N, C-alpha and C. Protein backbone atom coordinates (compact mmCIF):
# COMPACT_ATOMS: atom_id res chain seq x y z
N MET A 1 24.16 12.72 -0.48
CA MET A 1 22.80 13.02 -0.05
C MET A 1 21.83 12.90 -1.23
N ARG A 2 22.24 13.31 -2.41
CA ARG A 2 21.37 13.15 -3.57
C ARG A 2 21.05 11.70 -3.87
N SER A 3 22.07 10.85 -3.75
CA SER A 3 21.85 9.39 -3.98
C SER A 3 20.82 8.84 -2.99
N PHE A 4 20.84 9.28 -1.77
CA PHE A 4 19.86 8.86 -0.81
C PHE A 4 18.52 9.28 -1.15
N ASN A 5 18.39 10.55 -1.63
CA ASN A 5 17.05 11.07 -2.02
C ASN A 5 16.48 10.30 -3.16
N ILE A 6 17.27 9.98 -4.16
CA ILE A 6 16.83 9.20 -5.32
C ILE A 6 16.40 7.79 -4.84
N LEU A 7 17.20 7.18 -3.99
CA LEU A 7 16.91 5.85 -3.48
C LEU A 7 15.59 5.84 -2.69
N ALA A 8 15.38 6.87 -1.86
CA ALA A 8 14.15 7.02 -1.10
C ALA A 8 12.95 7.16 -1.98
N LEU A 9 13.15 7.99 -3.02
CA LEU A 9 12.05 8.21 -3.99
C LEU A 9 11.68 6.92 -4.71
N CYS A 10 12.63 6.14 -5.10
CA CYS A 10 12.40 4.86 -5.79
C CYS A 10 11.69 3.87 -4.84
N ALA A 11 12.14 3.83 -3.64
CA ALA A 11 11.52 2.93 -2.66
C ALA A 11 10.01 3.32 -2.43
N ALA A 12 9.74 4.60 -2.30
CA ALA A 12 8.41 5.06 -2.12
C ALA A 12 7.54 4.74 -3.37
N THR A 13 8.09 4.93 -4.51
CA THR A 13 7.38 4.62 -5.74
C THR A 13 7.00 3.15 -5.81
N LEU A 14 7.95 2.30 -5.45
CA LEU A 14 7.62 0.85 -5.48
C LEU A 14 6.59 0.48 -4.44
N MET A 15 6.61 1.08 -3.28
CA MET A 15 5.66 0.77 -2.27
C MET A 15 4.27 1.26 -2.63
N VAL A 16 4.21 2.41 -3.17
CA VAL A 16 2.90 2.96 -3.66
C VAL A 16 2.32 2.12 -4.78
N GLY A 17 3.23 1.70 -5.63
CA GLY A 17 2.75 0.87 -6.74
C GLY A 17 2.08 -0.42 -6.28
N GLY A 18 2.44 -0.93 -5.20
CA GLY A 18 1.81 -2.14 -4.70
C GLY A 18 0.37 -1.93 -4.32
N VAL A 19 -0.06 -0.74 -4.13
CA VAL A 19 -1.43 -0.44 -3.73
C VAL A 19 -2.28 -0.10 -4.94
N ALA A 20 -1.68 -0.10 -6.06
CA ALA A 20 -2.39 0.27 -7.33
C ALA A 20 -3.53 -0.76 -7.59
N VAL A 21 -4.52 -0.30 -8.31
CA VAL A 21 -5.62 -1.18 -8.61
C VAL A 21 -5.37 -1.74 -9.99
N ALA A 22 -5.54 -3.07 -10.16
CA ALA A 22 -5.35 -3.67 -11.47
C ALA A 22 -6.49 -3.28 -12.41
N LYS A 23 -6.18 -3.08 -13.65
CA LYS A 23 -7.19 -2.65 -14.64
C LYS A 23 -7.60 -3.84 -15.58
N ASP A 24 -7.16 -5.08 -15.19
CA ASP A 24 -7.51 -6.23 -16.04
C ASP A 24 -8.98 -6.68 -15.81
N LYS A 25 -9.37 -7.56 -16.69
CA LYS A 25 -10.69 -8.15 -16.57
C LYS A 25 -10.82 -9.00 -15.34
N PRO A 26 -12.03 -9.32 -14.89
CA PRO A 26 -12.17 -10.21 -13.76
C PRO A 26 -11.56 -11.60 -14.05
N ALA A 27 -11.25 -12.31 -13.00
CA ALA A 27 -10.55 -13.59 -13.14
C ALA A 27 -11.45 -14.60 -13.95
N ALA A 28 -10.82 -15.30 -14.81
CA ALA A 28 -11.51 -16.31 -15.54
C ALA A 28 -11.83 -17.47 -14.59
N LYS A 29 -12.87 -18.20 -14.91
CA LYS A 29 -13.23 -19.33 -14.05
C LYS A 29 -12.07 -20.29 -13.91
N GLY A 30 -11.73 -20.63 -12.69
CA GLY A 30 -10.65 -21.57 -12.41
C GLY A 30 -9.31 -20.93 -12.12
N GLU A 31 -9.21 -19.63 -12.38
CA GLU A 31 -7.95 -18.93 -12.02
C GLU A 31 -7.81 -18.77 -10.52
N LYS A 32 -6.70 -19.12 -10.02
CA LYS A 32 -6.50 -19.08 -8.53
C LYS A 32 -6.14 -17.65 -8.09
N LYS A 33 -6.77 -17.22 -7.05
CA LYS A 33 -6.46 -15.89 -6.52
C LYS A 33 -5.29 -16.02 -5.53
N ILE A 34 -4.42 -15.06 -5.54
CA ILE A 34 -3.25 -14.98 -4.61
C ILE A 34 -3.49 -13.77 -3.74
N CYS A 35 -3.51 -14.03 -2.41
CA CYS A 35 -3.79 -12.90 -1.44
C CYS A 35 -2.42 -12.48 -0.83
N ARG A 36 -2.30 -11.15 -0.71
CA ARG A 36 -1.11 -10.56 -0.10
C ARG A 36 -1.56 -9.46 0.87
N ILE A 37 -0.72 -9.22 1.86
CA ILE A 37 -0.95 -8.13 2.73
C ILE A 37 -0.20 -6.91 2.20
N GLU A 38 -0.93 -5.79 2.01
CA GLU A 38 -0.34 -4.58 1.44
C GLU A 38 -0.16 -3.58 2.57
N MET A 39 1.11 -3.16 2.75
CA MET A 39 1.45 -2.16 3.73
C MET A 39 1.45 -0.81 3.12
N PRO A 40 0.85 0.19 3.76
CA PRO A 40 0.83 1.60 3.22
C PRO A 40 2.30 2.13 3.22
N ALA A 41 2.55 3.05 2.33
CA ALA A 41 3.89 3.68 2.25
C ALA A 41 4.24 4.48 3.49
N VAL A 42 3.23 5.25 3.98
CA VAL A 42 3.46 6.11 5.15
C VAL A 42 2.19 6.21 5.90
N GLY A 43 2.31 6.72 7.14
CA GLY A 43 1.16 7.06 7.94
C GLY A 43 0.63 5.94 8.78
N ARG A 44 -0.56 6.16 9.33
CA ARG A 44 -1.13 5.23 10.30
C ARG A 44 -2.22 4.31 9.62
N ILE A 45 -2.28 4.35 8.32
CA ILE A 45 -3.27 3.52 7.61
C ILE A 45 -2.91 2.06 7.86
N PRO A 46 -3.89 1.31 8.31
CA PRO A 46 -3.60 -0.15 8.53
C PRO A 46 -3.33 -0.90 7.27
N ALA A 47 -2.65 -2.02 7.44
CA ALA A 47 -2.35 -2.87 6.29
C ALA A 47 -3.69 -3.52 5.89
N ARG A 48 -3.76 -3.96 4.63
CA ARG A 48 -5.00 -4.56 4.12
C ARG A 48 -4.64 -5.76 3.27
N LYS A 49 -5.55 -6.69 3.22
CA LYS A 49 -5.40 -7.89 2.43
C LYS A 49 -5.99 -7.67 1.05
N SER A 50 -5.29 -8.06 0.03
CA SER A 50 -5.69 -7.88 -1.37
C SER A 50 -5.54 -9.16 -2.10
N CYS A 51 -6.57 -9.63 -2.81
CA CYS A 51 -6.48 -10.90 -3.51
C CYS A 51 -6.67 -10.63 -5.01
N LYS A 52 -5.71 -11.14 -5.79
CA LYS A 52 -5.74 -10.95 -7.20
C LYS A 52 -5.14 -12.22 -7.91
N THR A 53 -5.34 -12.33 -9.24
CA THR A 53 -4.75 -13.47 -9.95
C THR A 53 -3.28 -13.15 -10.17
N GLN A 54 -2.56 -14.21 -10.58
CA GLN A 54 -1.14 -14.04 -10.87
C GLN A 54 -0.91 -13.01 -11.99
N ALA A 55 -1.77 -13.01 -12.98
CA ALA A 55 -1.64 -12.09 -14.11
C ALA A 55 -1.82 -10.65 -13.57
N GLU A 56 -2.77 -10.41 -12.67
CA GLU A 56 -3.02 -9.08 -12.12
C GLU A 56 -1.78 -8.63 -11.29
N TRP A 57 -1.23 -9.51 -10.47
CA TRP A 57 -0.08 -9.18 -9.69
C TRP A 57 1.13 -8.86 -10.61
N ASP A 58 1.25 -9.63 -11.67
CA ASP A 58 2.37 -9.37 -12.65
C ASP A 58 2.20 -8.03 -13.27
N SER A 59 0.97 -7.66 -13.61
CA SER A 59 0.70 -6.32 -14.22
C SER A 59 1.02 -5.23 -13.30
N ILE A 60 0.64 -5.35 -12.02
CA ILE A 60 0.94 -4.38 -11.03
C ILE A 60 2.44 -4.21 -10.83
N SER A 61 3.18 -5.34 -10.80
CA SER A 61 4.60 -5.30 -10.65
C SER A 61 5.27 -4.60 -11.82
N ALA A 62 4.83 -4.91 -13.07
CA ALA A 62 5.40 -4.29 -14.20
C ALA A 62 5.14 -2.77 -14.22
N ASP A 63 3.91 -2.39 -13.85
CA ASP A 63 3.56 -0.97 -13.78
C ASP A 63 4.47 -0.24 -12.78
N SER A 64 4.69 -0.87 -11.62
CA SER A 64 5.48 -0.27 -10.53
C SER A 64 6.94 -0.09 -11.01
N GLN A 65 7.44 -1.12 -11.68
CA GLN A 65 8.85 -1.04 -12.18
C GLN A 65 9.00 0.04 -13.23
N SER A 66 7.96 0.16 -14.10
CA SER A 66 8.01 1.19 -15.12
C SER A 66 7.96 2.60 -14.55
N GLU A 67 7.12 2.77 -13.47
CA GLU A 67 7.07 4.08 -12.82
C GLU A 67 8.35 4.40 -12.12
N ALA A 68 8.97 3.41 -11.49
CA ALA A 68 10.23 3.61 -10.81
C ALA A 68 11.37 4.02 -11.82
N ALA A 69 11.35 3.36 -12.95
CA ALA A 69 12.39 3.71 -13.96
C ALA A 69 12.16 5.07 -14.51
N GLN A 70 10.89 5.47 -14.69
CA GLN A 70 10.56 6.78 -15.23
C GLN A 70 10.97 7.86 -14.18
N THR A 71 10.74 7.55 -12.92
CA THR A 71 11.10 8.50 -11.84
C THR A 71 12.60 8.65 -11.83
N LEU A 72 13.39 7.57 -11.96
CA LEU A 72 14.81 7.68 -11.95
C LEU A 72 15.31 8.51 -13.15
N ARG A 73 14.71 8.31 -14.29
CA ARG A 73 15.15 9.03 -15.47
C ARG A 73 14.86 10.52 -15.33
N SER A 74 13.70 10.86 -14.82
CA SER A 74 13.29 12.27 -14.73
C SER A 74 14.10 12.96 -13.62
N SER A 75 14.39 12.26 -12.53
CA SER A 75 15.22 12.88 -11.45
C SER A 75 16.62 13.06 -11.84
N GLY A 76 17.12 12.30 -12.79
CA GLY A 76 18.50 12.46 -13.25
C GLY A 76 18.60 13.67 -14.14
N ARG A 77 17.57 13.98 -14.85
CA ARG A 77 17.58 15.18 -15.76
C ARG A 77 17.48 16.45 -14.98
N ARG A 78 16.71 16.44 -13.93
CA ARG A 78 16.48 17.65 -13.15
C ARG A 78 17.76 18.13 -12.45
N GLY A 79 18.54 17.13 -11.95
CA GLY A 79 19.73 17.52 -11.13
C GLY A 79 20.93 17.84 -11.99
N SER A 80 20.86 17.54 -13.26
CA SER A 80 22.04 17.80 -14.11
C SER A 80 22.22 19.23 -14.46
């Protein structure tokens, strides 16, 4: 049961991370925007389209992975 809770927490963290706002500068002239449909983690909130540069998407992905790793580390300490 504990493994399932940790897995669910990680999945939720990754989904929420996709909705994060990039803190980078505006796209330089000529940078192509990549649009994705973002699904909310829970609830009846409708999906929305978000367009960002590849660098912005990479930054969001790295932030999400970092948050998920931190969540795993902290949840391991609490249960020990």
